[in-house]
PDB file of all heavy atoms in Angstrom:
ATOM      1  N   THR A   1       0.828  -1.192  -0.051  1.00  0.00           N
ATOM      2  CA  THR A   1       0.020  -0.018   0.042  1.00  0.00           C
ATOM      3  C   THR A   1       0.903   1.221   0.007  1.00  0.00           C
ATOM      4  O   THR A   1       1.892   1.238   0.758  1.00  0.00           O
ATOM      5  CB  THR A   1      -0.919  -0.001   1.231  1.00  0.00           C
ATOM      6  OG1 THR A   1      -0.203  -0.367   2.393  1.00  0.00           O
ATOM      7  CG2 THR A   1      -2.065  -0.921   1.055  1.00  0.00           C
ATOM      8  N   PRO A   2       0.564   2.248  -0.873  1.00  0.00           N
ATOM      9  CA  PRO A   2       1.394   3.439  -0.996  1.00  0.00           C
ATOM     10  C   PRO A   2       1.677   4.058   0.401  1.00  0.00           C
ATOM     11  O   PRO A   2       0.705   4.225   1.201  1.00  0.00           O
ATOM     12  CB  PRO A   2       0.568   4.383  -1.831  1.00  0.00           C
ATOM     13  CG  PRO A   2      -0.294   3.464  -2.597  1.00  0.00           C
ATOM     14  CD  PRO A   2      -0.585   2.301  -1.724  1.00  0.00           C
ATOM     15  N   GLY A   3       2.927   4.268   0.712  1.00  0.00           N
ATOM     16  CA  GLY A   3       3.260   4.969   1.990  1.00  0.00           C
ATOM     17  C   GLY A   3       3.598   4.013   3.096  1.00  0.00           C
ATOM     18  O   GLY A   3       4.284   4.363   4.041  1.00  0.00           O
ATOM     19  N   SER A   4       3.013   2.789   3.073  1.00  0.00           N
ATOM     20  CA  SER A   4       3.214   1.929   4.211  1.00  0.00           C
ATOM     21  C   SER A   4       3.893   0.655   3.838  1.00  0.00           C
ATOM     22  O   SER A   4       4.070  -0.246   4.671  1.00  0.00           O
ATOM     23  CB  SER A   4       1.993   1.661   5.025  1.00  0.00           C
ATOM     24  OG  SER A   4       0.916   1.138   4.175  1.00  0.00           O
ATOM     25  N   GLY A   5       4.256   0.444   2.561  1.00  0.00           N
ATOM     26  CA  GLY A   5       4.970  -0.774   2.207  1.00  0.00           C
ATOM     27  C   GLY A   5       4.208  -2.060   2.163  1.00  0.00           C
ATOM     28  O   GLY A   5       2.904  -1.940   1.999  1.00  0.00           O
ATOM     29  N   PHE A   6       4.887  -3.195   2.220  1.00  0.00           N
ATOM     30  CA  PHE A   6       4.169  -4.463   2.108  1.00  0.00           C
ATOM     31  C   PHE A   6       3.747  -4.979   3.494  1.00  0.00           C
ATOM     32  O   PHE A   6       4.496  -4.899   4.451  1.00  0.00           O
ATOM     33  CB  PHE A   6       5.128  -5.473   1.514  1.00  0.00           C
ATOM     34  CG  PHE A   6       5.247  -5.344   0.016  1.00  0.00           C
ATOM     35  CD1 PHE A   6       6.211  -4.512  -0.535  1.00  0.00           C
ATOM     36  CD2 PHE A   6       4.471  -6.176  -0.781  1.00  0.00           C
ATOM     37  CE1 PHE A   6       6.255  -4.364  -1.939  1.00  0.00           C
ATOM     38  CE2 PHE A   6       4.624  -6.105  -2.257  1.00  0.00           C
ATOM     39  CZ  PHE A   6       5.506  -5.156  -2.770  1.00  0.00           C
ATOM     40  N   SER A   7       2.494  -5.471   3.496  1.00  0.00           N
ATOM     41  CA  SER A   7       2.035  -6.092   4.679  1.00  0.00           C
ATOM     42  C   SER A   7       1.244  -7.404   4.240  1.00  0.00           C
ATOM     43  O   SER A   7       0.740  -7.531   3.215  1.00  0.00           O
ATOM     44  CB  SER A   7       1.051  -5.191   5.508  1.00  0.00           C
ATOM     45  OG  SER A   7       0.055  -4.809   4.671  1.00  0.00           O
ATOM     46  N   VAL A   8       1.154  -8.345   5.222  1.00  0.00           N
ATOM     47  CA  VAL A   8       0.465  -9.668   4.929  1.00  0.00           C
ATOM     48  C   VAL A   8      -1.074  -9.425   4.899  1.00  0.00           C
ATOM     49  O   VAL A   8      -1.596  -8.991   5.882  1.00  0.00           O
ATOM     50  CB  VAL A   8       0.856 -10.729   5.972  1.00  0.00           C
ATOM     51  CG1 VAL A   8       0.120 -12.013   5.745  1.00  0.00           C
ATOM     52  CG2 VAL A   8       2.356 -10.990   5.906  1.00  0.00           C
ATOM     53  N   ILE A   9      -1.656  -9.798   3.740  1.00  0.00           N
ATOM     54  CA  ILE A   9      -3.158  -9.757   3.696  1.00  0.00           C
ATOM     55  C   ILE A   9      -3.786 -11.132   3.885  1.00  0.00           C
ATOM     56  O   ILE A   9      -4.992 -11.278   4.059  1.00  0.00           O
ATOM     57  CB  ILE A   9      -3.618  -9.087   2.378  1.00  0.00           C
ATOM     58  CG1 ILE A   9      -2.990  -9.843   1.135  1.00  0.00           C
ATOM     59  CG2 ILE A   9      -3.226  -7.591   2.353  1.00  0.00           C
ATOM     60  CD1 ILE A   9      -3.738  -9.445  -0.098  1.00  0.00           C
ATOM     61  N   LYS A  10      -2.951 -12.239   3.748  1.00  0.00           N
ATOM     62  CA  LYS A  10      -3.485 -13.512   3.904  1.00  0.00           C
ATOM     63  C   LYS A  10      -2.451 -14.433   4.419  1.00  0.00           C
ATOM     64  O   LYS A  10      -1.288 -14.475   3.841  1.00  0.00           O
ATOM     65  CB  LYS A  10      -4.090 -14.048   2.542  1.00  0.00           C
ATOM     66  CG  LYS A  10      -4.532 -15.535   2.580  1.00  0.00           C
ATOM     67  CD  LYS A  10      -5.744 -15.760   3.472  1.00  0.00           C
ATOM     68  CE  LYS A  10      -6.070 -17.320   3.425  1.00  0.00           C
ATOM     69  NZ  LYS A  10      -7.117 -17.550   4.409  1.00  0.00           N
ATOM     70  N   LYS A  11      -2.770 -15.292   5.409  1.00  0.00           N
ATOM     71  CA  LYS A  11      -1.883 -16.366   5.847  1.00  0.00           C
ATOM     72  C   LYS A  11      -2.593 -17.678   5.541  1.00  0.00           C
ATOM     73  O   LYS A  11      -3.678 -17.868   6.109  1.00  0.00           O
ATOM     74  CB  LYS A  11      -1.545 -16.237   7.346  1.00  0.00           C
ATOM     75  CG  LYS A  11      -0.642 -17.322   7.855  1.00  0.00           C
ATOM     76  CD  LYS A  11      -0.339 -17.037   9.341  1.00  0.00           C
ATOM     77  CE  LYS A  11       0.690 -18.160   9.829  1.00  0.00           C
ATOM     78  NZ  LYS A  11       1.057 -17.926  11.227  1.00  0.00           N
ATOM     79  N   HIS A  12      -2.030 -18.459   4.647  1.00  0.00           N
ATOM     80  CA  HIS A  12      -2.641 -19.782   4.236  1.00  0.00           C
ATOM     81  C   HIS A  12      -1.883 -20.803   5.088  1.00  0.00           C
ATOM     82  O   HIS A  12      -0.710 -21.117   4.840  1.00  0.00           O
ATOM     83  CB  HIS A  12      -2.404 -19.890   2.739  1.00  0.00           C
ATOM     84  CG  HIS A  12      -2.853 -21.240   2.241  1.00  0.00           C
ATOM     85  ND1 HIS A  12      -4.039 -21.893   2.486  1.00  0.00           N
ATOM     86  CD2 HIS A  12      -2.218 -22.016   1.285  1.00  0.00           C
ATOM     87  CE1 HIS A  12      -4.136 -22.969   1.741  1.00  0.00           C
ATOM     88  NE2 HIS A  12      -3.043 -23.135   1.128  1.00  0.00           N
ATOM     89  N   ASP A  13      -2.653 -21.454   6.003  1.00  0.00           N
ATOM     90  CA  ASP A  13      -1.973 -22.348   6.979  1.00  0.00           C
ATOM     91  C   ASP A  13      -2.659 -23.679   6.951  1.00  0.00           C
ATOM     92  O   ASP A  13      -2.651 -24.412   7.929  1.00  0.00           O
ATOM     93  CB  ASP A  13      -1.892 -21.766   8.369  1.00  0.00           C
ATOM     94  CG  ASP A  13      -3.226 -21.301   8.823  1.00  0.00           C
ATOM     95  OD1 ASP A  13      -4.215 -21.640   8.186  1.00  0.00           O
ATOM     96  OD2 ASP A  13      -3.320 -20.780   9.937  1.00  0.00           O
ATOM     97  N   LYS A  14      -3.175 -24.164   5.766  1.00  0.00           N
ATOM     98  CA  LYS A  14      -3.940 -25.414   5.686  1.00  0.00           C
ATOM     99  C   LYS A  14      -2.955 -26.612   5.483  1.00  0.00           C
ATOM    100  O   LYS A  14      -3.395 -27.725   5.376  1.00  0.00           O
ATOM    101  CB  LYS A  14      -4.943 -25.381   4.598  1.00  0.00           C
ATOM    102  CG  LYS A  14      -5.944 -24.339   4.766  1.00  0.00           C
ATOM    103  CD  LYS A  14      -7.016 -24.736   5.794  1.00  0.00           C
ATOM    104  CE  LYS A  14      -8.222 -23.779   5.802  1.00  0.00           C
ATOM    105  NZ  LYS A  14      -7.968 -22.492   6.499  1.00  0.00           N
ATOM    106  N   HIS A  15      -1.691 -26.344   5.245  1.00  0.00           N
ATOM    107  CA  HIS A  15      -0.754 -27.509   5.008  1.00  0.00           C
ATOM    108  C   HIS A  15      -0.144 -27.906   6.368  1.00  0.00           C
ATOM    109  O   HIS A  15       0.136 -27.032   7.253  1.00  0.00           O
ATOM    110  CB  HIS A  15       0.289 -27.050   4.014  1.00  0.00           C
ATOM    111  CG  HIS A  15      -0.153 -27.018   2.598  1.00  0.00           C
ATOM    112  ND1 HIS A  15      -0.451 -28.108   1.825  1.00  0.00           N
ATOM    113  CD2 HIS A  15      -0.453 -25.961   1.839  1.00  0.00           C
ATOM    114  CE1 HIS A  15      -0.919 -27.765   0.680  1.00  0.00           C
ATOM    115  NE2 HIS A  15      -0.909 -26.403   0.617  1.00  0.00           N
ATOM    116  N   GLN A  16       0.192 -29.205   6.411  1.00  0.00           N
ATOM    117  CA  GLN A  16       0.797 -29.753   7.626  1.00  0.00           C
ATOM    118  C   GLN A  16       2.274 -29.847   7.620  1.00  0.00           C
ATOM    119  O   GLN A  16       2.929 -30.442   8.535  1.00  0.00           O
ATOM    120  CB  GLN A  16       0.186 -31.149   8.005  1.00  0.00           C
ATOM    121  CG  GLN A  16      -1.175 -31.048   8.614  1.00  0.00           C
ATOM    122  CD  GLN A  16      -2.232 -30.770   7.640  1.00  0.00           C
ATOM    123  OE1 GLN A  16      -2.354 -31.334   6.542  1.00  0.00           O
ATOM    124  NE2 GLN A  16      -3.110 -29.819   7.913  1.00  0.00           N
ATOM    125  N   ALA A  17       2.885 -29.393   6.517  1.00  0.00           N
ATOM    126  CA  ALA A  17       4.392 -29.533   6.395  1.00  0.00           C
ATOM    127  C   ALA A  17       4.873 -28.458   5.494  1.00  0.00           C
ATOM    128  O   ALA A  17       4.106 -27.554   5.018  1.00  0.00           O
ATOM    129  CB  ALA A  17       4.765 -30.939   5.834  1.00  0.00           C
ATOM    130  N   SER A  18       6.167 -28.501   5.183  1.00  0.00           N
ATOM    131  CA  SER A  18       6.785 -27.484   4.395  1.00  0.00           C
ATOM    132  C   SER A  18       6.057 -27.194   3.090  1.00  0.00           C
ATOM    133  O   SER A  18       5.722 -28.210   2.405  1.00  0.00           O
ATOM    134  CB  SER A  18       8.217 -27.872   4.054  1.00  0.00           C
ATOM    135  OG  SER A  18       8.867 -27.067   3.106  1.00  0.00           O
ATOM    136  N   VAL A  19       5.842 -25.955   2.722  1.00  0.00           N
ATOM    137  CA  VAL A  19       5.250 -25.623   1.370  1.00  0.00           C
ATOM    138  C   VAL A  19       6.401 -25.301   0.533  1.00  0.00           C
ATOM    139  O   VAL A  19       7.183 -24.308   0.732  1.00  0.00           O
ATOM    140  CB  VAL A  19       4.275 -24.476   1.425  1.00  0.00           C
ATOM    141  CG1 VAL A  19       3.647 -24.194   0.047  1.00  0.00           C
ATOM    142  CG2 VAL A  19       3.099 -24.776   2.514  1.00  0.00           C
ATOM    143  N   ASN A  20       6.608 -26.100  -0.545  1.00  0.00           N
ATOM    144  CA  ASN A  20       7.831 -26.081  -1.329  1.00  0.00           C
ATOM    145  C   ASN A  20       7.801 -25.237  -2.644  1.00  0.00           C
ATOM    146  O   ASN A  20       8.789 -24.842  -3.163  1.00  0.00           O
ATOM    147  CB  ASN A  20       8.230 -27.491  -1.726  1.00  0.00           C
ATOM    148  CG  ASN A  20       8.456 -28.358  -0.493  1.00  0.00           C
ATOM    149  OD1 ASN A  20       9.030 -27.900   0.466  1.00  0.00           O
ATOM    150  ND2 ASN A  20       7.950 -29.550  -0.482  1.00  0.00           N
ATOM    151  N   ALA A  21       6.521 -25.119  -3.131  1.00  0.00           N
ATOM    152  CA  ALA A  21       6.302 -24.353  -4.398  1.00  0.00           C
ATOM    153  C   ALA A  21       5.088 -23.640  -4.483  1.00  0.00           C
ATOM    154  O   ALA A  21       4.008 -24.103  -3.919  1.00  0.00           O
ATOM    155  CB  ALA A  21       6.487 -25.465  -5.525  1.00  0.00           C
ATOM    156  N   ILE A  22       5.104 -22.510  -5.153  1.00  0.00           N
ATOM    157  CA  ILE A  22       3.917 -21.724  -5.346  1.00  0.00           C
ATOM    158  C   ILE A  22       3.928 -21.169  -6.871  1.00  0.00           C
ATOM    159  O   ILE A  22       4.985 -20.961  -7.406  1.00  0.00           O
ATOM    160  CB  ILE A  22       3.738 -20.558  -4.421  1.00  0.00           C
ATOM    161  CG1 ILE A  22       5.101 -19.795  -4.288  1.00  0.00           C
ATOM    162  CG2 ILE A  22       3.224 -20.911  -3.060  1.00  0.00           C
ATOM    163  CD1 ILE A  22       5.062 -18.463  -3.473  1.00  0.00           C
ATOM    164  N   ALA A  23       2.712 -20.905  -7.404  1.00  0.00           N
ATOM    165  CA  ALA A  23       2.681 -20.322  -8.648  1.00  0.00           C
ATOM    166  C   ALA A  23       1.333 -19.619  -8.873  1.00  0.00           C
ATOM    167  O   ALA A  23       0.230 -20.303  -8.703  1.00  0.00           O
ATOM    168  CB  ALA A  23       2.896 -21.385  -9.817  1.00  0.00           C
ATOM    169  N   TRP A  24       1.351 -18.431  -9.332  1.00  0.00           N
ATOM    170  CA  TRP A  24       0.100 -17.694  -9.673  1.00  0.00           C
ATOM    171  C   TRP A  24      -0.392 -18.244 -10.992  1.00  0.00           C
ATOM    172  O   TRP A  24       0.376 -18.415 -11.957  1.00  0.00           O
ATOM    173  CB  TRP A  24       0.215 -16.213  -9.746  1.00  0.00           C
ATOM    174  CG  TRP A  24       0.518 -15.461  -8.473  1.00  0.00           C
ATOM    175  CD1 TRP A  24       1.704 -15.116  -7.971  1.00  0.00           C
ATOM    176  CD2 TRP A  24      -0.497 -15.149  -7.469  1.00  0.00           C
ATOM    177  NE1 TRP A  24       1.525 -14.493  -6.696  1.00  0.00           N
ATOM    178  CE2 TRP A  24       0.097 -14.547  -6.387  1.00  0.00           C
ATOM    179  CE3 TRP A  24      -1.883 -15.254  -7.401  1.00  0.00           C
ATOM    180  CZ2 TRP A  24      -0.477 -14.081  -5.249  1.00  0.00           C
ATOM    181  CZ3 TRP A  24      -2.585 -14.863  -6.258  1.00  0.00           C
ATOM    182  CH2 TRP A  24      -1.861 -14.228  -5.235  1.00  0.00           C
ATOM    183  N   ALA A  25      -1.738 -18.420 -11.111  1.00  0.00           N
ATOM    184  CA  ALA A  25      -2.322 -18.874 -12.451  1.00  0.00           C
ATOM    185  C   ALA A  25      -2.139 -17.788 -13.434  1.00  0.00           C
ATOM    186  O   ALA A  25      -2.001 -16.541 -13.064  1.00  0.00           O
ATOM    187  CB  ALA A  25      -3.830 -19.165 -12.187  1.00  0.00           C
ATOM    188  N   PRO A  26      -2.265 -18.042 -14.721  1.00  0.00           N
ATOM    189  CA  PRO A  26      -2.316 -17.003 -15.721  1.00  0.00           C
ATOM    190  C   PRO A  26      -3.422 -16.049 -15.316  1.00  0.00           C
ATOM    191  O   PRO A  26      -4.496 -16.422 -14.923  1.00  0.00           O
ATOM    192  CB  PRO A  26      -2.659 -17.713 -16.982  1.00  0.00           C
ATOM    193  CG  PRO A  26      -2.110 -19.122 -16.814  1.00  0.00           C
ATOM    194  CD  PRO A  26      -2.291 -19.440 -15.265  1.00  0.00           C
TER     195      PRO A  26
END
């Protein structure tokens, strides 16, 4: 957000172990 930098808007915690890979869809 302009002026205040990056902040977390969502924490996705449904996995029970290391999350190794992520990719945004087209």
